[in-house]
Amino acid sequence: MEKISEDVYKKIDNNVYNAEGDIWWQSTNILHLLKTSINPWRVGYSGNIIKSLGIDPNGKTALEVGSGGGILTEEISKMGFSTTGIDPSEQSLITARNHAALSGLSIKYDKGTGEELPYGDKSFDCVFCCDVLEHVRDLPKVISEISRVLKTNGIFFYDTLNRTFISKLVAIKIWQEWNRWAFMPPNLHVWKMFIKPSEIKTLLTENNFEWKEHHGSKPNVSIPKMLGFLRKRVKGEWTYADLGKQFWLVESKDMNILYAGYAIKK
């Protein structure tokens, strides 16, 4: 893959993360679903890999690239890592710092982008980049920077959206565009910026990683039931909090929409 063209990149609305106030932890907001519906899957996946590799996070350093309001960052910290988060949105960083303080968690938050990580070579034992790679302007540069700041034998955990017909139908049309069911802001994701598993594997290989595996996800309910849940929210019968109590992702071999993976720095 190459750097995203300006014509494609200008279609994505990354400015949504700069909204004032806490848009991350309030149950009335769409981003709350990251905590209730997405985190259990992605945290469970990375946690299982860490255990299977016999890694003790205590005394180890971890970086989350694209940390937003800290929803995943706090889970990384709770694993035992000495944790740093980096994000380009000052407003999101304010939310993350405030919530970490309220939670009694010692997390360092910095402002910056994945294309230019302000850290020395081989600074971290683990890097996490989840639901972010499909938002960046220069994906090859981000992968290069993550490789640079990872220690030898360090682990890179990621998840992203696959560029398939199914992902266009579900993640773009149903979740964003079709008003009968949409629960995400328009242009939160752009389908042409989604990443095929083969593409991320190639980038990892080119940047001194040993790719290990990919693992898929699926809704915990059938598609018709999911549509019914989304319709309830649109009609005002359910809030985002209600949706989060009934709808979440579970592990699957299906990688047509959202998939996770990991690689080890050589």
C-alpha atoms as a PDB file:
ATOM      1  CA  MET A   1       0.000   0.000   0.000  1.00  0.00           C
ATOM      2  CA  GLU A   2       0.973   3.607  -0.539  1.00  0.00           C
ATOM      3  CA  LYS A   3       0.123   6.856   1.196  1.00  0.00           C
ATOM      4  CA  ILE A   4      -3.584   7.662   0.881  1.00  0.00           C
ATOM      5  CA  SER A   5      -4.342  10.179  -1.852  1.00  0.00           C
ATOM      6  CA  GLU A   6      -5.539  13.607  -0.777  1.00  0.00           C
ATOM      7  CA  ASP A   7      -8.836  13.099  -2.632  1.00  0.00           C
ATOM      8  CA  VAL A   8      -9.615  10.009  -0.540  1.00  0.00           C
ATOM      9  CA  TYR A   9      -8.235  11.309   2.759  1.00  0.00           C
ATOM     10  CA  LYS A  10     -10.307  14.494   2.684  1.00  0.00           C
ATOM     11  CA  LYS A  11     -13.477  12.350   2.744  1.00  0.00           C
ATOM     12  CA  ILE A  12     -12.849  10.981   6.247  1.00  0.00           C
ATOM     13  CA  ASP A  13     -14.042  13.016   9.220  1.00  0.00           C
ATOM     14  CA  ASN A  14     -11.316  12.624  11.826  1.00  0.00           C
ATOM     15  CA  ASN A  15     -12.360  16.000  13.252  1.00  0.00           C
ATOM     16  CA  VAL A  16     -15.174  14.242  15.130  1.00  0.00           C
ATOM     17  CA  TYR A  17     -12.620  13.395  17.841  1.00  0.00           C
ATOM     18  CA  ASN A  18     -11.976  17.101  18.488  1.00  0.00           C
ATOM     19  CA  ALA A  19     -15.483  17.801  19.796  1.00  0.00           C
ATOM     20  CA  GLU A  20     -15.527  19.611  23.119  1.00  0.00           C
ATOM     21  CA  GLY A  21     -16.384  17.746  26.296  1.00  0.00           C
ATOM     22  CA  ASP A  22     -16.175  14.060  27.082  1.00  0.00           C
ATOM     23  CA  ILE A  23     -17.339  12.238  23.972  1.00  0.00           C
ATOM     24  CA  TRP A  24     -15.608   8.983  24.987  1.00  0.00           C
ATOM     25  CA  TRP A  25     -16.828   7.840  28.391  1.00  0.00           C
ATOM     26  CA  GLN A  26     -20.407   9.148  28.458  1.00  0.00           C
ATOM     27  CA  SER A  27     -22.915   6.365  27.818  1.00  0.00           C
ATOM     28  CA  THR A  28     -25.043   8.732  25.714  1.00  0.00           C
ATOM     29  CA  ASN A  29     -22.367   8.914  22.997  1.00  0.00           C
ATOM     30  CA  ILE A  30     -21.513   6.551  20.134  1.00  0.00           C
ATOM     31  CA  LEU A  31     -17.871   6.213  21.271  1.00  0.00           C
ATOM     32  CA  HIS A  32     -19.093   4.591  24.487  1.00  0.00           C
ATOM     33  CA  LEU A  33     -19.678   1.480  22.366  1.00  0.00           C
ATOM     34  CA  LEU A  34     -15.891   1.096  22.112  1.00  0.00           C
ATOM     35  CA  LYS A  35     -15.927   0.244  25.816  1.00  0.00           C
ATOM     36  CA  THR A  36     -18.998  -1.981  25.857  1.00  0.00           C
ATOM     37  CA  SER A  37     -19.055  -3.591  22.408  1.00  0.00           C
ATOM     38  CA  ILE A  38     -15.503  -3.588  21.014  1.00  0.00           C
ATOM     39  CA  ASN A  39     -13.054  -3.617  23.938  1.00  0.00           C
ATOM     40  CA  PRO A  40     -14.060  -7.011  25.348  1.00  0.00           C
ATOM     41  CA  TRP A  41     -13.118  -8.621  22.003  1.00  0.00           C
ATOM     42  CA  ARG A  42      -9.869  -6.722  21.374  1.00  0.00           C
ATOM     43  CA  VAL A  43      -8.652  -6.777  24.981  1.00  0.00           C
ATOM     44  CA  GLY A  44      -9.490 -10.448  25.257  1.00  0.00           C
ATOM     45  CA  TYR A  45      -7.545 -11.190  22.077  1.00  0.00           C
ATOM     46  CA  SER A  46      -4.374  -9.335  23.068  1.00  0.00           C
ATOM     47  CA  GLY A  47      -4.572 -10.610  26.643  1.00  0.00           C
ATOM     48  CA  ASN A  48      -4.745 -14.205  25.474  1.00  0.00           C
ATOM     49  CA  ILE A  49      -1.724 -13.727  23.196  1.00  0.00           C
ATOM     50  CA  ILE A  50       0.267 -12.129  25.992  1.00  0.00           C
ATOM     51  CA  LYS A  51      -0.519 -15.077  28.274  1.00  0.00           C
ATOM     52  CA  SER A  52       0.250 -17.655  25.576  1.00  0.00           C
ATOM     53  CA  LEU A  53       3.665 -16.064  25.011  1.00  0.00           C
ATOM     54  CA  GLY A  54       4.414 -16.149  28.741  1.00  0.00           C
ATOM     55  CA  ILE A  55       4.852 -12.386  28.982  1.00  0.00           C
ATOM     56  CA  ASP A  56       4.558 -10.635  32.341  1.00  0.00           C
ATOM     57  CA  PRO A  57       3.441  -7.046  31.616  1.00  0.00           C
ATOM     58  CA  ASN A  58       4.757  -5.800  34.951  1.00  0.00           C
ATOM     59  CA  GLY A  59       7.942  -3.855  34.301  1.00  0.00           C
ATOM     60  CA  LYS A  60       7.234  -3.752  30.553  1.00  0.00           C
ATOM     61  CA  THR A  61       6.432  -0.626  28.529  1.00  0.00           C
ATOM     62  CA  ALA A  62       3.488  -0.253  26.160  1.00  0.00           C
ATOM     63  CA  LEU A  63       2.422   2.449  23.727  1.00  0.00           C
ATOM     64  CA  GLU A  64      -1.026   2.947  22.251  1.00  0.00           C
ATOM     65  CA  VAL A  65      -0.956   4.823  18.953  1.00  0.00           C
ATOM     66  CA  GLY A  66      -4.217   6.725  18.508  1.00  0.00           C
ATOM     67  CA  SER A  67      -5.292   6.527  22.129  1.00  0.00           C
ATOM     68  CA  GLY A  68      -8.284   8.870  21.843  1.00  0.00           C
ATOM     69  CA  GLY A  69     -10.044   9.285  25.172  1.00  0.00           C
ATOM     70  CA  GLY A  70      -8.148   6.421  26.776  1.00  0.00           C
ATOM     71  CA  ILE A  71     -10.761   3.664  26.603  1.00  0.00           C
ATOM     72  CA  LEU A  72      -8.281   1.026  25.451  1.00  0.00           C
ATOM     73  CA  THR A  73      -5.259   2.715  27.031  1.00  0.00           C
ATOM     74  CA  GLU A  74      -6.689   2.204  30.507  1.00  0.00           C
ATOM     75  CA  GLU A  75      -7.196  -1.503  29.828  1.00  0.00           C
ATOM     76  CA  ILE A  76      -3.556  -1.775  28.728  1.00  0.00           C
ATOM     77  CA  SER A  77      -2.470  -0.059  31.937  1.00  0.00           C
ATOM     78  CA  LYS A  78      -4.616  -2.434  34.010  1.00  0.00           C
ATOM     79  CA  MET A  79      -2.772  -5.375  32.416  1.00  0.00           C
ATOM     80  CA  GLY A  80       0.315  -4.129  34.276  1.00  0.00           C
ATOM     81  CA  PHE A  81       2.204  -2.269  31.547  1.00  0.00           C
ATOM     82  CA  SER A  82       3.874   1.088  32.125  1.00  0.00           C
ATOM     83  CA  THR A  83       1.622   2.765  29.574  1.00  0.00           C
ATOM     84  CA  THR A  84       1.874   5.717  27.204  1.00  0.00           C
ATOM     85  CA  GLY A  85      -0.845   6.941  24.856  1.00  0.00           C
ATOM     86  CA  ILE A  86      -0.401   9.280  21.901  1.00  0.00           C
ATOM     87  CA  ASP A  87      -3.100  11.045  19.879  1.00  0.00           C
ATOM     88  CA  PRO A  88      -3.332  14.136  17.641  1.00  0.00           C
ATOM     89  CA  SER A  89      -6.526  15.434  19.290  1.00  0.00           C
ATOM     90  CA  GLU A  90      -5.897  17.776  22.211  1.00  0.00           C
ATOM     91  CA  GLN A  91      -9.528  17.536  23.325  1.00  0.00           C
ATOM     92  CA  SER A  92      -9.383  13.733  23.417  1.00  0.00           C
ATOM     93  CA  LEU A  93      -6.124  13.902  25.380  1.00  0.00           C
ATOM     94  CA  ILE A  94      -7.745  16.172  27.968  1.00  0.00           C
ATOM     95  CA  THR A  95     -10.528  13.626  28.410  1.00  0.00           C
ATOM     96  CA  ALA A  96      -8.025  10.757  28.656  1.00  0.00           C
ATOM     97  CA  ARG A  97      -5.864  12.500  31.260  1.00  0.00           C
ATOM     98  CA  ASN A  98      -8.858  13.489  33.366  1.00  0.00           C
ATOM     99  CA  HIS A  99     -10.358  10.002  33.318  1.00  0.00           C
ATOM    100  CA  ALA A 100      -7.046   8.323  34.149  1.00  0.00           C
ATOM    101  CA  ALA A 101      -6.672  10.625  37.143  1.00  0.00           C
ATOM    102  CA  LEU A 102     -10.199   9.798  38.330  1.00  0.00           C
ATOM    103  CA  SER A 103      -9.432   6.088  37.874  1.00  0.00           C
ATOM    104  CA  GLY A 104      -6.152   6.313  39.795  1.00  0.00           C
ATOM    105  CA  LEU A 105      -4.127   5.147  36.798  1.00  0.00           C
ATOM    106  CA  SER A 106      -0.647   6.420  36.008  1.00  0.00           C
ATOM    107  CA  ILE A 107      -0.691   6.847  32.219  1.00  0.00           C
ATOM    108  CA  LYS A 108       1.462   9.247  30.205  1.00  0.00           C
ATOM    109  CA  TYR A 109      -0.371  10.944  27.340  1.00  0.00           C
ATOM    110  CA  ASP A 110       1.402  12.789  24.532  1.00  0.00           C
ATOM    111  CA  LYS A 111       0.176  14.742  21.530  1.00  0.00           C
ATOM    112  CA  GLY A 112       1.384  13.491  18.173  1.00  0.00           C
ATOM    113  CA  THR A 113       0.695  11.324  15.148  1.00  0.00           C
ATOM    114  CA  GLY A 114       1.611   7.803  14.156  1.00  0.00           C
ATOM    115  CA  GLU A 115       3.599   9.147  11.222  1.00  0.00           C
ATOM    116  CA  GLU A 116       6.009  10.970  13.560  1.00  0.00           C
ATOM    117  CA  LEU A 117       6.256   9.223  16.923  1.00  0.00           C
ATOM    118  CA  PRO A 118       8.280  11.402  19.346  1.00  0.00           C
ATOM    119  CA  TYR A 119      10.132   8.494  20.932  1.00  0.00           C
ATOM    120  CA  GLY A 120      13.566   6.994  20.581  1.00  0.00           C
ATOM    121  CA  ASP A 121      14.383   3.783  18.773  1.00  0.00           C
ATOM    122  CA  LYS A 122      13.468   0.601  20.647  1.00  0.00           C
ATOM    123  CA  SER A 123      11.547   2.414  23.415  1.00  0.00           C
ATOM    124  CA  PHE A 124       8.637   0.015  23.974  1.00  0.00           C
ATOM    125  CA  ASP A 125       8.030  -3.669  24.623  1.00  0.00           C
ATOM    126  CA  CYS A 126       4.525  -3.548  23.088  1.00  0.00           C
ATOM    127  CA  VAL A 127       2.675  -1.241  20.737  1.00  0.00           C
ATOM    128  CA  PHE A 128      -1.096  -1.277  20.304  1.00  0.00           C
ATOM    129  CA  CYS A 129      -2.852   0.397  17.362  1.00  0.00           C
ATOM    130  CA  CYS A 130      -6.541  -0.468  17.282  1.00  0.00           C
ATOM    131  CA  ASP A 131      -9.304   1.003  15.105  1.00  0.00           C
ATOM    132  CA  VAL A 132      -6.731   3.561  13.917  1.00  0.00           C
ATOM    133  CA  LEU A 133      -4.808   2.249  10.900  1.00  0.00           C
ATOM    134  CA  GLU A 134      -7.814   2.830   8.640  1.00  0.00           C
ATOM    135  CA  HIS A 135      -7.824   6.506   9.697  1.00  0.00           C
ATOM    136  CA  VAL A 136      -4.222   7.519   9.012  1.00  0.00           C
ATOM    137  CA  ARG A 137      -2.919   9.552   6.084  1.00  0.00           C
ATOM    138  CA  ASP A 138       0.300   7.554   5.531  1.00  0.00           C
ATOM    139  CA  LEU A 139      -0.079   3.909   6.585  1.00  0.00           C
ATOM    140  CA  PRO A 140       3.392   2.751   5.437  1.00  0.00           C
ATOM    141  CA  LYS A 141       4.998   5.544   7.490  1.00  0.00           C
ATOM    142  CA  VAL A 142       2.957   4.631  10.570  1.00  0.00           C
ATOM    143  CA  ILE A 143       4.016   0.982  10.357  1.00  0.00           C
ATOM    144  CA  SER A 144       7.628   2.086   9.857  1.00  0.00           C
ATOM    145  CA  GLU A 145       7.482   4.302  12.940  1.00  0.00           C
ATOM    146  CA  ILE A 146       5.902   1.575  15.061  1.00  0.00           C
ATOM    147  CA  SER A 147       8.683  -0.791  14.024  1.00  0.00           C
ATOM    148  CA  ARG A 148      11.295   1.804  14.911  1.00  0.00           C
ATOM    149  CA  VAL A 149      10.052   2.428  18.462  1.00  0.00           C
ATOM    150  CA  LEU A 150       9.535  -1.279  19.250  1.00  0.00           C
ATOM    151  CA  LYS A 151      12.289  -3.231  20.949  1.00  0.00           C
ATOM    152  CA  THR A 152      13.666  -6.371  19.346  1.00  0.00           C
ATOM    153  CA  ASN A 153      11.142  -9.175  20.026  1.00  0.00           C
ATOM    154  CA  GLY A 154       8.553  -6.530  20.912  1.00  0.00           C
ATOM    155  CA  ILE A 155       4.910  -7.207  20.031  1.00  0.00           C
ATOM    156  CA  PHE A 156       2.675  -5.138  17.782  1.00  0.00           C
ATOM    157  CA  PHE A 157      -1.075  -5.631  18.328  1.00  0.00           C
ATOM    158  CA  TYR A 158      -3.549  -4.137  15.881  1.00  0.00           C
ATOM    159  CA  ASP A 159      -7.073  -4.369  14.592  1.00  0.00           C
ATOM    160  CA  THR A 160      -8.569  -2.731  11.542  1.00  0.00           C
ATOM    161  CA  LEU A 161     -11.343  -2.996   8.959  1.00  0.00           C
ATOM    162  CA  ASN A 162     -11.054  -5.254   5.926  1.00  0.00           C
ATOM    163  CA  ARG A 163     -11.817  -3.836   2.456  1.00  0.00           C
ATOM    164  CA  THR A 164     -14.490  -6.246   1.253  1.00  0.00           C
ATOM    165  CA  PHE A 165     -17.983  -6.097  -0.204  1.00  0.00           C
ATOM    166  CA  ILE A 166     -19.359  -7.198   3.187  1.00  0.00           C
ATOM    167  CA  SER A 167     -17.509  -4.437   5.069  1.00  0.00           C
ATOM    168  CA  LYS A 168     -18.837  -1.848   2.617  1.00  0.00           C
ATOM    169  CA  LEU A 169     -22.384  -3.109   3.128  1.00  0.00           C
ATOM    170  CA  VAL A 170     -22.199  -3.384   6.926  1.00  0.00           C
ATOM    171  CA  ALA A 171     -19.603  -0.876   8.189  1.00  0.00           C
ATOM    172  CA  ILE A 172     -20.362   1.856   5.656  1.00  0.00           C
ATOM    173  CA  LYS A 173     -23.929   1.471   4.390  1.00  0.00           C
ATOM    174  CA  ILE A 174     -25.730   0.017   7.443  1.00  0.00           C
ATOM    175  CA  TRP A 175     -23.644   1.518  10.239  1.00  0.00           C
ATOM    176  CA  GLN A 176     -23.041   4.973   8.714  1.00  0.00           C
ATOM    177  CA  GLU A 177     -25.204   5.854   5.712  1.00  0.00           C
ATOM    178  CA  TRP A 178     -28.606   4.189   5.701  1.00  0.00           C
ATOM    179  CA  ASN A 179     -30.750   6.240   8.072  1.00  0.00           C
ATOM    180  CA  ARG A 180     -33.006   3.326   8.941  1.00  0.00           C
ATOM    181  CA  TRP A 181     -30.163   1.739  10.970  1.00  0.00           C
ATOM    182  CA  ALA A 182     -27.126   4.073  11.043  1.00  0.00           C
ATOM    183  CA  PHE A 183     -25.612   4.654  14.462  1.00  0.00           C
ATOM    184  CA  MET A 184     -22.209   6.089  13.467  1.00  0.00           C
ATOM    185  CA  PRO A 185     -21.516   9.613  12.179  1.00  0.00           C
ATOM    186  CA  PRO A 186     -21.302   9.901   8.376  1.00  0.00           C
ATOM    187  CA  ASN A 187     -17.737   9.675   7.045  1.00  0.00           C
ATOM    188  CA  LEU A 188     -16.357   8.303  10.306  1.00  0.00           C
ATOM    189  CA  HIS A 189     -14.825   5.631   8.066  1.00  0.00           C
ATOM    190  CA  VAL A 190     -14.032   5.648   4.352  1.00  0.00           C
ATOM    191  CA  TRP A 191     -14.161   2.258   2.642  1.00  0.00           C
ATOM    192  CA  LYS A 192     -11.194   2.919   0.341  1.00  0.00           C
ATOM    193  CA  MET A 193      -9.023   3.375   3.455  1.00  0.00           C
ATOM    194  CA  PHE A 194      -9.868  -0.093   4.786  1.00  0.00           C
ATOM    195  CA  ILE A 195      -6.957  -2.557   4.731  1.00  0.00           C
ATOM    196  CA  LYS A 196      -6.879  -6.090   3.397  1.00  0.00           C
ATOM    197  CA  PRO A 197      -5.057  -8.664   5.587  1.00  0.00           C
ATOM    198  CA  SER A 198      -2.603  -9.371   2.767  1.00  0.00           C
ATOM    199  CA  GLU A 199      -1.732  -5.662   2.576  1.00  0.00           C
ATOM    200  CA  ILE A 200      -0.948  -5.310   6.270  1.00  0.00           C
ATOM    201  CA  LYS A 201       1.099  -8.527   6.160  1.00  0.00           C
ATOM    202  CA  THR A 202       3.198  -7.132   3.316  1.00  0.00           C
ATOM    203  CA  LEU A 203       3.794  -3.850   5.153  1.00  0.00           C
ATOM    204  CA  LEU A 204       4.806  -5.702   8.302  1.00  0.00           C
ATOM    205  CA  THR A 205       7.264  -7.897   6.414  1.00  0.00           C
ATOM    206  CA  GLU A 206       8.767  -4.828   4.736  1.00  0.00           C
ATOM    207  CA  ASN A 207       9.288  -3.199   8.163  1.00  0.00           C
ATOM    208  CA  ASN A 208      11.210  -5.911   9.982  1.00  0.00           C
ATOM    209  CA  PHE A 209       8.245  -7.707  11.531  1.00  0.00           C
ATOM    210  CA  GLU A 210       7.470 -11.384  11.695  1.00  0.00           C
ATOM    211  CA  TRP A 211       3.729 -11.562  11.147  1.00  0.00           C
ATOM    212  CA  LYS A 212       2.046 -14.186  13.327  1.00  0.00           C
ATOM    213  CA  GLU A 213      -1.704 -14.360  12.789  1.00  0.00           C
ATOM    214  CA  HIS A 214      -5.019 -12.728  12.043  1.00  0.00           C
ATOM    215  CA  HIS A 215      -8.263 -13.363  13.878  1.00  0.00           C
ATOM    216  CA  GLY A 216     -11.748 -12.234  12.913  1.00  0.00           C
ATOM    217  CA  SER A 217     -14.840 -10.992  14.693  1.00  0.00           C
ATOM    218  CA  LYS A 218     -18.598 -11.052  14.292  1.00  0.00           C
ATOM    219  CA  PRO A 219     -21.650  -9.632  16.089  1.00  0.00           C
ATOM    220  CA  ASN A 220     -22.884 -11.692  19.040  1.00  0.00           C
ATOM    221  CA  VAL A 221     -26.319 -11.857  17.373  1.00  0.00           C
ATOM    222  CA  SER A 222     -27.628 -12.635  13.903  1.00  0.00           C
ATOM    223  CA  ILE A 223     -27.695  -9.872  11.271  1.00  0.00           C
ATOM    224  CA  PRO A 224     -31.523  -9.583  11.364  1.00  0.00           C
ATOM    225  CA  LYS A 225     -31.404  -9.250  15.165  1.00  0.00           C
ATOM    226  CA  MET A 226     -28.616  -6.663  14.927  1.00  0.00           C
ATOM    227  CA  LEU A 227     -30.717  -4.653  12.481  1.00  0.00           C
ATOM    228  CA  GLY A 228     -33.619  -4.807  14.895  1.00  0.00           C
ATOM    229  CA  PHE A 229     -31.410  -3.484  17.709  1.00  0.00           C
ATOM    230  CA  LEU A 230     -30.124  -0.635  15.518  1.00  0.00           C
ATOM    231  CA  ARG A 231     -33.663   0.242  14.501  1.00  0.00           C
ATOM    232  CA  LYS A 232     -34.700   0.531  18.150  1.00  0.00           C
ATOM    233  CA  ARG A 233     -31.926   3.095  18.697  1.00  0.00           C
ATOM    234  CA  VAL A 234     -32.901   5.109  15.619  1.00  0.00           C
ATOM    235  CA  LYS A 235     -36.534   5.219  16.789  1.00  0.00           C
ATOM    236  CA  GLY A 236     -35.469   6.430  20.231  1.00  0.00           C
ATOM    237  CA  GLU A 237     -36.555   3.256  22.011  1.00  0.00           C
ATOM    238  CA  TRP A 238     -32.941   2.457  22.961  1.00  0.00           C
ATOM    239  CA  THR A 239     -29.956   4.610  23.916  1.00  0.00           C
ATOM    240  CA  TYR A 240     -26.333   3.823  23.052  1.00  0.00           C
ATOM    241  CA  ALA A 241     -26.071   2.372  26.548  1.00  0.00           C
ATOM    242  CA  ASP A 242     -28.988   0.026  25.825  1.00  0.00           C
ATOM    243  CA  LEU A 243     -27.400  -0.974  22.520  1.00  0.00           C
ATOM    244  CA  GLY A 244     -24.108  -1.720  24.256  1.00  0.00           C
ATOM    245  CA  LYS A 245     -25.824  -4.092  26.662  1.00  0.00           C
ATOM    246  CA  GLN A 246     -27.189  -6.226  23.822  1.00  0.00           C
ATOM    247  CA  PHE A 247     -24.736  -5.881  20.935  1.00  0.00           C
ATOM    248  CA  TRP A 248     -21.005  -6.644  20.978  1.00  0.00           C
ATOM    249  CA  LEU A 249     -18.315  -8.426  18.989  1.00  0.00           C
ATOM    250  CA  VAL A 250     -17.111 -11.960  19.626  1.00  0.00           C
ATOM    251  CA  GLU A 251     -14.191 -13.938  18.221  1.00  0.00           C
ATOM    252  CA  SER A 252     -14.710 -15.551  14.846  1.00  0.00           C
ATOM    253  CA  LYS A 253     -12.844 -16.941  11.849  1.00  0.00           C
ATOM    254  CA  ASP A 254     -14.745 -14.432   9.709  1.00  0.00           C
ATOM    255  CA  MET A 255     -12.438 -11.558   8.715  1.00  0.00           C
ATOM    256  CA  ASN A 256     -14.791  -9.814   6.290  1.00  0.00           C
ATOM    257  CA  ILE A 257     -15.305  -6.789   8.554  1.00  0.00           C
ATOM    258  CA  LEU A 258     -13.111  -6.182  11.622  1.00  0.00           C
ATOM    259  CA  TYR A 259     -10.050  -8.342  12.216  1.00  0.00           C
ATOM    260  CA  ALA A 260      -7.157  -8.318  14.684  1.00  0.00           C
ATOM    261  CA  GLY A 261      -3.604  -9.555  14.487  1.00  0.00           C
ATOM    262  CA  TYR A 262      -0.141  -9.388  15.939  1.00  0.00           C
ATOM    263  CA  ALA A 263       3.453  -9.416  14.791  1.00  0.00           C
ATOM    264  CA  ILE A 264       6.850  -9.589  16.492  1.00  0.00           C
ATOM    265  CA  LYS A 265       9.693  -7.180  15.787  1.00  0.00           C
ATOM    266  CA  LYS A 266      12.772  -8.963  14.495  1.00  0.00           C
END
